[in-house]
Amino acid sequence: MYTFIILICTLGNPCFMVSDATPMTYHTTEACEMAGSAKRDELSRGLVALGYTMDRSDVQCIPSPPSA
């Protein structure tokens, strides 16, 4: 099971990391990367609409922690 983290950097601002706030996990890294990329694209479009200039962004899938 995997979950994603997204790193977004805009010009003139510190980079920030976003993780999936839902308890959603993905069975394969491919499914995780697809979901993470879609969320990254959504966030990037929102930031550009607010006037930010994108510098770089990345999606990384990591093994999800075991559930309690």
PDB file of N, CA and C in Angstrom:
ATOM      1  N   MET A   1       0.833  -1.162   0.000  1.00  0.00           N
ATOM      2  CA  MET A   1       0.000   0.000   0.000  1.00  0.00           C
ATOM      3  C   MET A   1       0.889   1.241   0.000  1.00  0.00           C
ATOM      4  N   TYR A   2       0.460   2.222  -0.776  1.00  0.00           N
ATOM      5  CA  TYR A   2       1.260   3.440  -0.946  1.00  0.00           C
ATOM      6  C   TYR A   2       0.408   4.683  -0.763  1.00  0.00           C
ATOM      7  N   THR A   3       1.054   5.755  -0.366  1.00  0.00           N
ATOM      8  CA  THR A   3       0.438   7.065  -0.296  1.00  0.00           C
ATOM      9  C   THR A   3       1.399   8.059  -0.941  1.00  0.00           C
ATOM     10  N   PHE A   4       0.907   9.228  -1.324  1.00  0.00           N
ATOM     11  CA  PHE A   4       1.784  10.166  -2.017  1.00  0.00           C
ATOM     12  C   PHE A   4       2.072  11.414  -1.201  1.00  0.00           C
ATOM     13  N   ILE A   5       3.208  12.020  -1.524  1.00  0.00           N
ATOM     14  CA  ILE A   5       3.542  13.351  -1.041  1.00  0.00           C
ATOM     15  C   ILE A   5       3.904  14.181  -2.266  1.00  0.00           C
ATOM     16  N   ILE A   6       3.593  15.459  -2.196  1.00  0.00           N
ATOM     17  CA  ILE A   6       3.838  16.365  -3.319  1.00  0.00           C
ATOM     18  C   ILE A   6       4.698  17.514  -2.806  1.00  0.00           C
ATOM     19  N   LEU A   7       5.742  17.845  -3.547  1.00  0.00           N
ATOM     20  CA  LEU A   7       6.569  18.995  -3.244  1.00  0.00           C
ATOM     21  C   LEU A   7       6.301  20.034  -4.320  1.00  0.00           C
ATOM     22  N   ILE A   8       5.926  21.238  -3.906  1.00  0.00           N
ATOM     23  CA  ILE A   8       5.636  22.324  -4.851  1.00  0.00           C
ATOM     24  C   ILE A   8       6.500  23.527  -4.496  1.00  0.00           C
ATOM     25  N   CYS A   9       7.156  24.078  -5.519  1.00  0.00           N
ATOM     26  CA  CYS A   9       7.992  25.260  -5.333  1.00  0.00           C
ATOM     27  C   CYS A   9       7.517  26.337  -6.304  1.00  0.00           C
ATOM     28  N   THR A  10       7.286  27.524  -5.772  1.00  0.00           N
ATOM     29  CA  THR A  10       6.941  28.668  -6.607  1.00  0.00           C
ATOM     30  C   THR A  10       8.059  29.697  -6.462  1.00  0.00           C
ATOM     31  N   LEU A  11       8.257  30.498  -7.496  1.00  0.00           N
ATOM     32  CA  LEU A  11       9.335  31.478  -7.476  1.00  0.00           C
ATOM     33  C   LEU A  11       9.108  32.493  -6.359  1.00  0.00           C
ATOM     34  N   GLY A  12      10.172  32.765  -5.604  1.00  0.00           N
ATOM     35  CA  GLY A  12      10.115  33.771  -4.549  1.00  0.00           C
ATOM     36  C   GLY A  12       9.488  33.310  -3.256  1.00  0.00           C
ATOM     37  N   ASN A  13       9.139  32.039  -3.150  1.00  0.00           N
ATOM     38  CA  ASN A  13       8.500  31.501  -1.946  1.00  0.00           C
ATOM     39  C   ASN A  13       9.189  30.199  -1.548  1.00  0.00           C
ATOM     40  N   PRO A  14       9.100  29.836  -0.277  1.00  0.00           N
ATOM     41  CA  PRO A  14       9.652  28.542   0.124  1.00  0.00           C
ATOM     42  C   PRO A  14       8.832  27.399  -0.487  1.00  0.00           C
ATOM     43  N   CYS A  15       9.494  26.301  -0.733  1.00  0.00           N
ATOM     44  CA  CYS A  15       8.782  25.114  -1.209  1.00  0.00           C
ATOM     45  C   CYS A  15       7.906  24.583  -0.070  1.00  0.00           C
ATOM     46  N   PHE A  16       6.837  23.894  -0.436  1.00  0.00           N
ATOM     47  CA  PHE A  16       6.012  23.277   0.589  1.00  0.00           C
ATOM     48  C   PHE A  16       5.624  21.871   0.171  1.00  0.00           C
ATOM     49  N   MET A  17       5.379  21.041   1.174  1.00  0.00           N
ATOM     50  CA  MET A  17       5.056  19.646   0.946  1.00  0.00           C
ATOM     51  C   MET A  17       3.586  19.418   1.286  1.00  0.00           C
ATOM     52  N   VAL A  18       2.924  18.652   0.446  1.00  0.00           N
ATOM     53  CA  VAL A  18       1.519  18.316   0.633  1.00  0.00           C
ATOM     54  C   VAL A  18       1.408  16.796   0.668  1.00  0.00           C
ATOM     55  N   SER A  19       0.666  16.290   1.632  1.00  0.00           N
ATOM     56  CA  SER A  19       0.396  14.854   1.650  1.00  0.00           C
ATOM     57  C   SER A  19      -1.105  14.655   1.530  1.00  0.00           C
ATOM     58  N   ASP A  20      -1.496  13.461   1.173  1.00  0.00           N
ATOM     59  CA  ASP A  20      -2.916  13.155   1.031  1.00  0.00           C
ATOM     60  C   ASP A  20      -3.556  13.149   2.416  1.00  0.00           C
ATOM     61  N   ALA A  21      -4.520  14.024   2.632  1.00  0.00           N
ATOM     62  CA  ALA A  21      -5.160  14.152   3.944  1.00  0.00           C
ATOM     63  C   ALA A  21      -6.199  13.061   4.192  1.00  0.00           C
ATOM     64  N   THR A  22      -6.557  12.345   3.148  1.00  0.00           N
ATOM     65  CA  THR A  22      -7.548  11.280   3.313  1.00  0.00           C
ATOM     66  C   THR A  22      -6.841   9.986   3.704  1.00  0.00           C
ATOM     67  N   PRO A  23      -7.559   9.025   4.218  1.00  0.00           N
ATOM     68  CA  PRO A  23      -6.935   7.743   4.551  1.00  0.00           C
ATOM     69  C   PRO A  23      -6.747   6.855   3.304  1.00  0.00           C
ATOM     70  N   MET A  24      -6.855   7.447   2.119  1.00  0.00           N
ATOM     71  CA  MET A  24      -6.753   6.698   0.871  1.00  0.00           C
ATOM     72  C   MET A  24      -5.342   6.144   0.687  1.00  0.00           C
ATOM     73  N   THR A  25      -5.249   4.865   0.334  1.00  0.00           N
ATOM     74  CA  THR A  25      -3.969   4.255  -0.032  1.00  0.00           C
ATOM     75  C   THR A  25      -4.151   3.551  -1.372  1.00  0.00           C
ATOM     76  N   TYR A  26      -3.050   3.304  -2.029  1.00  0.00           N
ATOM     77  CA  TYR A  26      -3.066   2.723  -3.374  1.00  0.00           C
ATOM     78  C   TYR A  26      -2.267   1.423  -3.354  1.00  0.00           C
ATOM     79  N   HIS A  27      -2.759   0.432  -4.072  1.00  0.00           N
ATOM     80  CA  HIS A  27      -2.133  -0.890  -4.064  1.00  0.00           C
ATOM     81  C   HIS A  27      -0.833  -0.937  -4.846  1.00  0.00           C
ATOM     82  N   THR A  28      -0.687  -0.086  -5.858  1.00  0.00           N
ATOM     83  CA  THR A  28       0.530  -0.086  -6.672  1.00  0.00           C
ATOM     84  C   THR A  28       1.124   1.314  -6.736  1.00  0.00           C
ATOM     85  N   THR A  29       2.412   1.379  -7.024  1.00  0.00           N
ATOM     86  CA  THR A  29       3.048   2.691  -7.157  1.00  0.00           C
ATOM     87  C   THR A  29       2.496   3.425  -8.370  1.00  0.00           C
ATOM     88  N   GLU A  30       2.117   2.686  -9.408  1.00  0.00           N
ATOM     89  CA  GLU A  30       1.568   3.322 -10.609  1.00  0.00           C
ATOM     90  C   GLU A  30       0.256   4.044 -10.299  1.00  0.00           C
ATOM     91  N   ALA A  31      -0.630   3.393  -9.563  1.00  0.00           N
ATOM     92  CA  ALA A  31      -1.904   4.018  -9.188  1.00  0.00           C
ATOM     93  C   ALA A  31      -1.662   5.219  -8.278  1.00  0.00           C
ATOM     94  N   CYS A  32      -0.716   5.085  -7.372  1.00  0.00           N
ATOM     95  CA  CYS A  32      -0.367   6.173  -6.468  1.00  0.00           C
ATOM     96  C   CYS A  32       0.185   7.362  -7.248  1.00  0.00           C
ATOM     97  N   GLU A  33       1.080   7.111  -8.184  1.00  0.00           N
ATOM     98  CA  GLU A  33       1.667   8.184  -8.986  1.00  0.00           C
ATOM     99  C   GLU A  33       0.625   8.888  -9.847  1.00  0.00           C
ATOM    100  N   MET A  34      -0.314   8.137 -10.387  1.00  0.00           N
ATOM    101  CA  MET A  34      -1.377   8.748 -11.184  1.00  0.00           C
ATOM    102  C   MET A  34      -2.230   9.677 -10.324  1.00  0.00           C
ATOM    103  N   ALA A  35      -2.629   9.221  -9.141  1.00  0.00           N
ATOM    104  CA  ALA A  35      -3.447  10.039  -8.242  1.00  0.00           C
ATOM    105  C   ALA A  35      -2.661  11.254  -7.752  1.00  0.00           C
ATOM    106  N   GLY A  36      -1.399  11.052  -7.412  1.00  0.00           N
ATOM    107  CA  GLY A  36      -0.564  12.150  -6.949  1.00  0.00           C
ATOM    108  C   GLY A  36      -0.322  13.188  -8.032  1.00  0.00           C
ATOM    109  N   SER A  37      -0.108  12.725  -9.259  1.00  0.00           N
ATOM    110  CA  SER A  37       0.103  13.646 -10.376  1.00  0.00           C
ATOM    111  C   SER A  37      -1.150  14.465 -10.659  1.00  0.00           C
ATOM    112  N   ALA A  38      -2.304  13.833 -10.571  1.00  0.00           N
ATOM    113  CA  ALA A  38      -3.562  14.558 -10.789  1.00  0.00           C
ATOM    114  C   ALA A  38      -3.739  15.636  -9.721  1.00  0.00           C
ATOM    115  N   LYS A  39      -3.445  15.311  -8.468  1.00  0.00           N
ATOM    116  CA  LYS A  39      -3.567  16.288  -7.380  1.00  0.00           C
ATOM    117  C   LYS A  39      -2.532  17.403  -7.546  1.00  0.00           C
ATOM    118  N   ARG A  40      -1.306  17.058  -7.942  1.00  0.00           N
ATOM    119  CA  ARG A  40      -0.271  18.065  -8.177  1.00  0.00           C
ATOM    120  C   ARG A  40      -0.707  19.038  -9.265  1.00  0.00           C
ATOM    121  N   ASP A  41      -1.251  18.504 -10.358  1.00  0.00           N
ATOM    122  CA  ASP A  41      -1.704  19.353 -11.455  1.00  0.00           C
ATOM    123  C   ASP A  41      -2.824  20.282 -11.008  1.00  0.00           C
ATOM    124  N   GLU A  42      -3.734  19.764 -10.200  1.00  0.00           N
ATOM    125  CA  GLU A  42      -4.844  20.575  -9.671  1.00  0.00           C
ATOM    126  C   GLU A  42      -4.312  21.708  -8.785  1.00  0.00           C
ATOM    127  N   LEU A  43      -3.387  21.376  -7.890  1.00  0.00           N
ATOM    128  CA  LEU A  43      -2.797  22.392  -7.023  1.00  0.00           C
ATOM    129  C   LEU A  43      -2.015  23.430  -7.828  1.00  0.00           C
ATOM    130  N   SER A  44      -1.265  22.974  -8.822  1.00  0.00           N
ATOM    131  CA  SER A  44      -0.470  23.890  -9.652  1.00  0.00           C
ATOM    132  C   SER A  44      -1.365  24.857 -10.407  1.00  0.00           C
ATOM    133  N   ARG A  45      -2.455  24.360 -10.977  1.00  0.00           N
ATOM    134  CA  ARG A  45      -3.392  25.244 -11.691  1.00  0.00           C
ATOM    135  C   ARG A  45      -3.971  26.293 -10.751  1.00  0.00           C
ATOM    136  N   GLY A  46      -4.295  25.904  -9.530  1.00  0.00           N
ATOM    137  CA  GLY A  46      -4.833  26.842  -8.555  1.00  0.00           C
ATOM    138  C   GLY A  46      -3.828  27.916  -8.173  1.00  0.00           C
ATOM    139  N   LEU A  47      -2.579  27.523  -7.993  1.00  0.00           N
ATOM    140  CA  LEU A  47      -1.547  28.497  -7.637  1.00  0.00           C
ATOM    141  C   LEU A  47      -1.277  29.463  -8.784  1.00  0.00           C
ATOM    142  N   VAL A  48      -1.241  28.958 -10.004  1.00  0.00           N
ATOM    143  CA  VAL A  48      -1.034  29.823 -11.170  1.00  0.00           C
ATOM    144  C   VAL A  48      -2.206  30.793 -11.299  1.00  0.00           C
ATOM    145  N   ALA A  49      -3.417  30.326 -11.055  1.00  0.00           N
ATOM    146  CA  ALA A  49      -4.596  31.198 -11.130  1.00  0.00           C
ATOM    147  C   ALA A  49      -4.527  32.317 -10.093  1.00  0.00           C
ATOM    148  N   LEU A  50      -3.839  32.055  -8.981  1.00  0.00           N
ATOM    149  CA  LEU A  50      -3.682  33.071  -7.943  1.00  0.00           C
ATOM    150  C   LEU A  50      -2.498  34.005  -8.218  1.00  0.00           C
ATOM    151  N   GLY A  51      -1.783  33.768  -9.313  1.00  0.00           N
ATOM    152  CA  GLY A  51      -0.698  34.658  -9.700  1.00  0.00           C
ATOM    153  C   GLY A  51       0.701  34.170  -9.363  1.00  0.00           C
ATOM    154  N   TYR A  52       0.833  32.974  -8.828  1.00  0.00           N
ATOM    155  CA  TYR A  52       2.158  32.429  -8.523  1.00  0.00           C
ATOM    156  C   TYR A  52       2.801  31.888  -9.791  1.00  0.00           C
ATOM    157  N   THR A  53       4.121  31.933  -9.842  1.00  0.00           N
ATOM    158  CA  THR A  53       4.872  31.344 -10.952  1.00  0.00           C
ATOM    159  C   THR A  53       5.491  30.044 -10.459  1.00  0.00           C
ATOM    160  N   MET A  54       5.148  28.958 -11.107  1.00  0.00           N
ATOM    161  CA  MET A  54       5.657  27.650 -10.702  1.00  0.00           C
ATOM    162  C   MET A  54       7.146  27.539 -11.021  1.00  0.00           C
ATOM    163  N   ASP A  55       7.900  26.995 -10.088  1.00  0.00           N
ATOM    164  CA  ASP A  55       9.307  26.724 -10.299  1.00  0.00           C
ATOM    165  C   ASP A  55       9.482  25.245 -10.603  1.00  0.00           C
ATOM    166  N   ARG A  56       9.046  24.413  -9.671  1.00  0.00           N
ATOM    167  CA  ARG A  56       9.116  22.962  -9.892  1.00  0.00           C
ATOM    168  C   ARG A  56       8.140  22.262  -8.957  1.00  0.00           C
ATOM    169  N   SER A  57       7.858  21.020  -9.291  1.00  0.00           N
ATOM    170  CA  SER A  57       6.997  20.201  -8.443  1.00  0.00           C
ATOM    171  C   SER A  57       7.351  18.744  -8.673  1.00  0.00           C
ATOM    172  N   ASP A  58       7.063  17.927  -7.689  1.00  0.00           N
ATOM    173  CA  ASP A  58       7.393  16.514  -7.780  1.00  0.00           C
ATOM    174  C   ASP A  58       6.387  15.715  -6.959  1.00  0.00           C
ATOM    175  N   VAL A  59       6.115  14.514  -7.423  1.00  0.00           N
ATOM    176  CA  VAL A  59       5.245  13.582  -6.701  1.00  0.00           C
ATOM    177  C   VAL A  59       6.089  12.373  -6.339  1.00  0.00           C
ATOM    178  N   GLN A  60       5.968  11.946  -5.099  1.00  0.00           N
ATOM    179  CA  GLN A  60       6.682  10.755  -4.686  1.00  0.00           C
ATOM    180  C   GLN A  60       5.729   9.855  -3.924  1.00  0.00           C
ATOM    181  N   CYS A  61       5.753   8.582  -4.252  1.00  0.00           N
ATOM    182  CA  CYS A  61       4.925   7.606  -3.540  1.00  0.00           C
ATOM    183  C   CYS A  61       5.785   6.862  -2.538  1.00  0.00           C
ATOM    184  N   ILE A  62       5.254   6.758  -1.342  1.00  0.00           N
ATOM    185  CA  ILE A  62       5.979   6.090  -0.258  1.00  0.00           C
ATOM    186  C   ILE A  62       5.068   5.021   0.346  1.00  0.00           C
ATOM    187  N   PRO A  63       5.662   4.001   0.931  1.00  0.00           N
ATOM    188  CA  PRO A  63       4.825   2.999   1.601  1.00  0.00           C
ATOM    189  C   PRO A  63       4.017   3.670   2.714  1.00  0.00           C
ATOM    190  N   SER A  64       2.754   3.358   2.773  1.00  0.00           N
ATOM    191  CA  SER A  64       1.909   3.957   3.803  1.00  0.00           C
ATOM    192  C   SER A  64       2.214   3.287   5.139  1.00  0.00           C
ATOM    193  N   PRO A  65       2.115   4.065   6.226  1.00  0.00           N
ATOM    194  CA  PRO A  65       2.361   3.475   7.548  1.00  0.00           C
ATOM    195  C   PRO A  65       1.289   2.435   7.865  1.00  0.00           C
ATOM    196  N   PRO A  66       1.641   1.463   8.652  1.00  0.00           N
ATOM    197  CA  PRO A  66       0.620   0.458   9.017  1.00  0.00           C
ATOM    198  C   PRO A  66      -0.515   1.101   9.796  1.00  0.00           C
ATOM    199  N   SER A  67      -1.713   0.618   9.557  1.00  0.00           N
ATOM    200  CA  SER A  67      -2.881   1.175  10.271  1.00  0.00           C
ATOM    201  C   SER A  67      -2.885   0.649  11.695  1.00  0.00           C
ATOM    202  N   ALA A  68      -3.418   1.481  12.570  1.00  0.00           N
ATOM    203  CA  ALA A  68      -3.418   1.115  14.003  1.00  0.00           C
ATOM    204  C   ALA A  68      -4.495   0.118  14.317  1.00  0.00           C
TER     205      ALA A  68
END
